[in-house]
Amino acid sequence: MYIITQVAPLEESKEKIYRVNSPADEEPYLEAGYRCGEREYKITSGHKEYIVICPEYRDDKKGGEPIVIIPGFLMPGRRYSVEVYLYAIDIYSSNLEKGQRKAAEETRKRFDLATFAHTTLGRALKALCGSLDEAGEANADIEEGDAVMLDGSGSGGAPGFPTPRSTRRLRDKAAQFLREAARRLEWHAAVAEYRKKAWDWFLEHQRLLL
């Protein structure tokens, strides 16, 4: 189980090691018999790779799920900060004529990344819409065929090349949630808005957005 905490920006870390301090209310975990350890994640920002060290609480005797305290920008198992994925989804979803490759390229340049693949965008879009669908956040449902058509099949496109038509339902759902923050807000304000959306989502649903 993950618990998100609001912390300083990743770029303020020293020697590319970002350590999340144990929360002030860790005493109940220790009193309940939990052991305190650490879990490491790697994340890329710009052309630098950081190690994020997070507190982990585990009770092996009870066999319960470990509790990991993570910073608001981190999506465990994903290479980039949450705002990178949401920005890519936002500019892709808000312009039906924009392809995934173009949106991925714009995202790579905006965040000064060495790489950011269109397939990464496609997977993030599917993950976001899956979360929205489970929570009933959008009016349009993701039908079974939509998930299949993310690879272009059934839409007249070659496998691996999604078409605007094949991803229309997913894009509409994502656009409704993100509300084109990249267009409405100044750049740094947009980044803050994406992080706030991930934070608010966790507070409301007690699960990660992506």
Protein backbone atom coordinates (compact mmCIF):
# COMPACT_ATOMS: atom_id res chain seq x y z
CA MET A 1 0.00 0.00 0.00
CA TYR A 2 1.28 3.44 -0.89
CA ILE A 3 0.76 6.61 1.12
CA ILE A 4 1.55 9.88 -0.65
CA THR A 5 3.21 12.71 1.22
CA GLN A 6 3.79 16.28 0.05
CA VAL A 7 7.51 16.97 -0.10
CA ALA A 8 10.13 19.23 -1.68
CA PRO A 9 10.74 19.09 -5.45
CA LEU A 10 12.93 16.30 -6.80
CA GLU A 11 15.47 18.81 -8.12
CA GLU A 12 16.33 19.88 -4.56
CA SER A 13 17.90 16.50 -3.81
CA LYS A 14 21.63 16.28 -3.15
CA GLU A 15 23.91 14.16 -5.31
CA LYS A 16 20.86 12.81 -7.16
CA ILE A 17 19.64 10.94 -4.09
CA TYR A 18 16.21 11.98 -2.86
CA ARG A 19 15.27 10.75 0.59
CA VAL A 20 11.70 10.89 1.85
CA ASN A 21 11.78 11.44 5.59
CA SER A 22 9.72 9.17 7.81
CA PRO A 23 6.43 10.87 8.69
CA ALA A 24 6.01 12.46 12.10
CA ASP A 25 3.24 9.99 12.90
CA GLU A 26 5.35 6.85 12.36
CA GLU A 27 5.18 5.95 16.06
CA PRO A 28 1.82 4.11 15.71
CA TYR A 29 3.39 1.82 13.10
CA LEU A 30 6.30 1.00 15.38
CA GLU A 31 4.04 0.46 18.38
CA ALA A 32 1.90 -1.88 16.28
CA GLY A 33 4.94 -4.07 15.62
CA TYR A 34 5.91 -2.84 12.16
CA ARG A 35 9.56 -2.87 11.16
CA CYS A 36 10.85 0.27 9.47
CA GLY A 37 12.91 -0.21 6.32
CA GLU A 38 13.51 1.50 3.00
CA ARG A 39 12.54 1.00 -0.60
CA GLU A 40 14.39 2.54 -3.55
CA TYR A 41 13.01 3.77 -6.86
CA LYS A 42 14.76 5.25 -9.88
CA ILE A 43 13.28 8.25 -11.66
CA THR A 44 14.49 10.34 -14.59
CA SER A 45 14.25 14.13 -14.65
CA GLY A 46 15.78 15.91 -17.61
CA HIS A 47 18.97 14.05 -18.46
CA LYS A 48 19.58 12.98 -14.87
CA GLU A 49 18.60 9.82 -13.07
CA TYR A 50 17.69 10.08 -9.39
CA ILE A 51 17.33 7.50 -6.67
CA VAL A 52 14.29 8.06 -4.46
CA ILE A 53 14.51 6.39 -1.04
CA CYS A 54 11.16 5.90 0.71
CA PRO A 55 10.30 4.63 4.21
CA GLU A 56 8.66 1.20 4.26
CA TYR A 57 6.74 -0.32 7.16
CA ARG A 58 6.28 -4.08 7.23
CA ASP A 59 4.75 -6.54 9.68
CA ASP A 60 5.98 -9.97 8.61
CA LYS A 61 4.27 -11.74 11.52
CA LYS A 62 0.81 -10.64 10.41
CA GLY A 63 1.66 -11.00 6.74
CA GLY A 64 0.06 -7.70 5.91
CA GLU A 65 0.76 -5.54 2.89
CA PRO A 66 3.84 -3.31 3.27
CA ILE A 67 3.17 0.40 3.68
CA VAL A 68 5.43 2.65 1.59
CA ILE A 69 5.54 6.44 2.00
CA ILE A 70 6.17 8.02 -1.40
CA PRO A 71 6.51 11.62 -2.63
CA GLY A 72 3.64 13.13 -4.61
CA PHE A 73 5.57 13.21 -7.89
CA LEU A 74 6.46 9.49 -7.85
CA MET A 75 4.52 6.77 -9.64
CA PRO A 76 6.21 3.50 -8.59
CA GLY A 77 7.15 1.39 -11.57
CA ARG A 78 7.17 4.40 -13.90
CA ARG A 79 10.28 6.16 -15.08
CA TYR A 80 9.15 9.79 -14.96
CA SER A 81 7.33 12.16 -12.61
CA VAL A 82 3.55 12.15 -12.72
CA GLU A 83 3.38 15.52 -14.46
CA VAL A 84 5.31 14.18 -17.46
CA TYR A 85 2.67 11.54 -18.15
CA LEU A 86 -0.26 13.86 -17.50
CA TYR A 87 1.21 16.56 -19.73
CA ALA A 88 1.67 14.07 -22.57
CA ILE A 89 -1.87 12.76 -22.13
CA ASP A 90 -3.23 16.30 -21.92
CA ILE A 91 -1.74 17.63 -25.16
CA TYR A 92 -2.58 14.40 -26.96
CA SER A 93 -6.16 14.24 -25.72
CA SER A 94 -7.00 17.89 -26.29
CA ASN A 95 -6.13 17.81 -30.00
CA LEU A 96 -7.74 15.01 -31.98
CA GLU A 97 -5.44 15.63 -34.97
CA LYS A 98 -2.26 15.21 -32.91
CA GLY A 99 -0.73 11.75 -33.11
CA GLN A 100 0.91 9.93 -30.23
CA ARG A 101 4.36 10.27 -31.79
CA LYS A 102 4.00 14.04 -32.08
CA ALA A 103 2.69 14.37 -28.53
CA ALA A 104 5.52 12.19 -27.23
CA GLU A 105 8.08 14.32 -29.07
CA GLU A 106 6.63 17.54 -27.64
CA THR A 107 6.70 16.02 -24.16
CA ARG A 108 10.32 14.96 -24.56
CA LYS A 109 11.33 18.48 -25.57
CA ARG A 110 9.26 20.20 -22.89
CA PHE A 111 10.82 18.16 -20.07
CA ASP A 112 14.29 17.96 -21.67
CA LEU A 113 14.24 14.16 -21.74
CA ALA A 114 16.59 11.97 -23.73
CA THR A 115 13.69 9.71 -24.70
CA PHE A 116 9.93 9.53 -24.30
CA ALA A 117 8.20 6.96 -26.49
CA HIS A 118 4.73 7.14 -27.98
CA THR A 119 4.13 3.66 -26.56
CA THR A 120 4.79 5.09 -23.08
CA LEU A 121 2.11 7.69 -23.75
CA GLY A 122 -0.31 5.02 -24.93
CA ARG A 123 0.15 2.92 -21.80
CA ALA A 124 -0.22 5.95 -19.53
CA LEU A 125 -3.43 6.99 -21.31
CA LYS A 126 -4.88 3.52 -20.86
CA ALA A 127 -3.88 3.48 -17.16
CA LEU A 128 -5.44 6.89 -16.51
CA CYS A 129 -8.69 6.00 -18.23
CA GLY A 130 -8.80 2.72 -16.36
CA SER A 131 -8.61 4.63 -13.08
CA LEU A 132 -11.29 7.07 -14.20
CA ASP A 133 -13.51 4.25 -15.35
CA GLU A 134 -13.22 2.39 -12.05
CA ALA A 135 -14.07 5.53 -10.12
CA GLY A 136 -16.88 6.56 -12.46
CA GLU A 137 -15.20 9.92 -13.06
CA ALA A 138 -16.25 10.35 -16.68
CA ASN A 139 -19.53 10.02 -18.52
CA ALA A 140 -18.21 7.94 -21.41
CA ASP A 141 -17.37 4.32 -20.67
CA ILE A 142 -14.32 2.52 -22.01
CA GLU A 143 -15.66 -0.36 -23.99
CA GLU A 144 -13.69 -3.55 -24.37
CA GLY A 145 -12.89 -2.72 -27.97
CA ASP A 146 -11.27 0.58 -27.06
CA ALA A 147 -8.50 -1.08 -25.13
CA VAL A 148 -7.81 -3.37 -28.07
CA MET A 149 -7.73 -0.48 -30.50
CA LEU A 150 -4.94 1.25 -28.63
CA ASP A 151 -2.59 -0.72 -30.88
CA GLY A 152 -4.43 0.33 -34.02
CA SER A 153 -6.19 -2.98 -34.62
CA GLY A 154 -9.79 -2.82 -35.76
CA SER A 155 -9.37 0.79 -36.89
CA GLY A 156 -7.78 0.40 -40.29
CA GLY A 157 -4.32 1.24 -38.95
CA ALA A 158 -1.28 -0.97 -38.72
CA PRO A 159 -0.59 -2.62 -35.35
CA GLY A 160 1.43 -0.30 -33.10
CA PHE A 161 0.11 2.87 -34.74
CA PRO A 162 -3.04 4.14 -33.00
CA THR A 163 -5.26 6.37 -35.08
CA PRO A 164 -7.24 9.41 -33.84
CA ARG A 165 -10.43 7.48 -34.46
CA SER A 166 -9.30 4.40 -32.54
CA THR A 167 -8.48 6.35 -29.36
CA ARG A 168 -11.31 8.91 -29.48
CA ARG A 169 -13.18 7.57 -26.45
CA LEU A 170 -10.04 7.39 -24.33
CA ARG A 171 -8.93 10.87 -25.35
CA ASP A 172 -12.33 12.37 -24.56
CA LYS A 173 -12.31 10.77 -21.12
CA ALA A 174 -8.78 12.01 -20.33
CA ALA A 175 -9.48 15.51 -21.68
CA GLN A 176 -12.55 15.81 -19.48
CA PHE A 177 -10.45 15.02 -16.41
CA LEU A 178 -7.36 17.11 -17.25
CA ARG A 179 -9.29 20.07 -18.72
CA GLU A 180 -6.36 21.19 -20.88
CA ALA A 181 -4.17 22.47 -18.04
CA ALA A 182 -1.27 22.79 -20.50
CA ARG A 183 -3.22 25.41 -22.48
CA ARG A 184 -4.94 27.25 -19.63
CA LEU A 185 -2.02 27.73 -17.28
CA GLU A 186 1.52 29.10 -17.31
CA TRP A 187 4.03 26.27 -17.55
CA HIS A 188 5.04 25.99 -13.89
CA ALA A 189 1.43 26.41 -12.83
CA ALA A 190 0.44 23.57 -15.17
CA VAL A 191 3.03 21.27 -13.57
CA ALA A 192 1.65 22.15 -10.13
CA GLU A 193 -1.88 21.47 -11.39
CA TYR A 194 -0.96 17.99 -12.63
CA ARG A 195 0.66 17.14 -9.32
CA LYS A 196 -2.36 18.48 -7.45
CA LYS A 197 -4.67 16.29 -9.51
CA ALA A 198 -2.62 13.22 -8.56
CA TRP A 199 -2.60 14.31 -4.91
CA ASP A 200 -6.35 15.03 -4.79
CA TRP A 201 -7.07 11.73 -6.52
CA PHE A 202 -5.14 9.84 -3.86
CA LEU A 203 -6.90 11.66 -1.02
CA GLU A 204 -10.31 10.87 -2.49
CA HIS A 205 -9.76 7.31 -3.71
CA GLN A 206 -6.78 6.09 -1.65
CA ARG A 207 -5.07 4.78 -4.77
CA LEU A 208 -2.54 6.09 -7.26
CA LEU A 209 -3.80 7.85 -10.36
CA LEU A 210 -1.48 5.98 -12.76
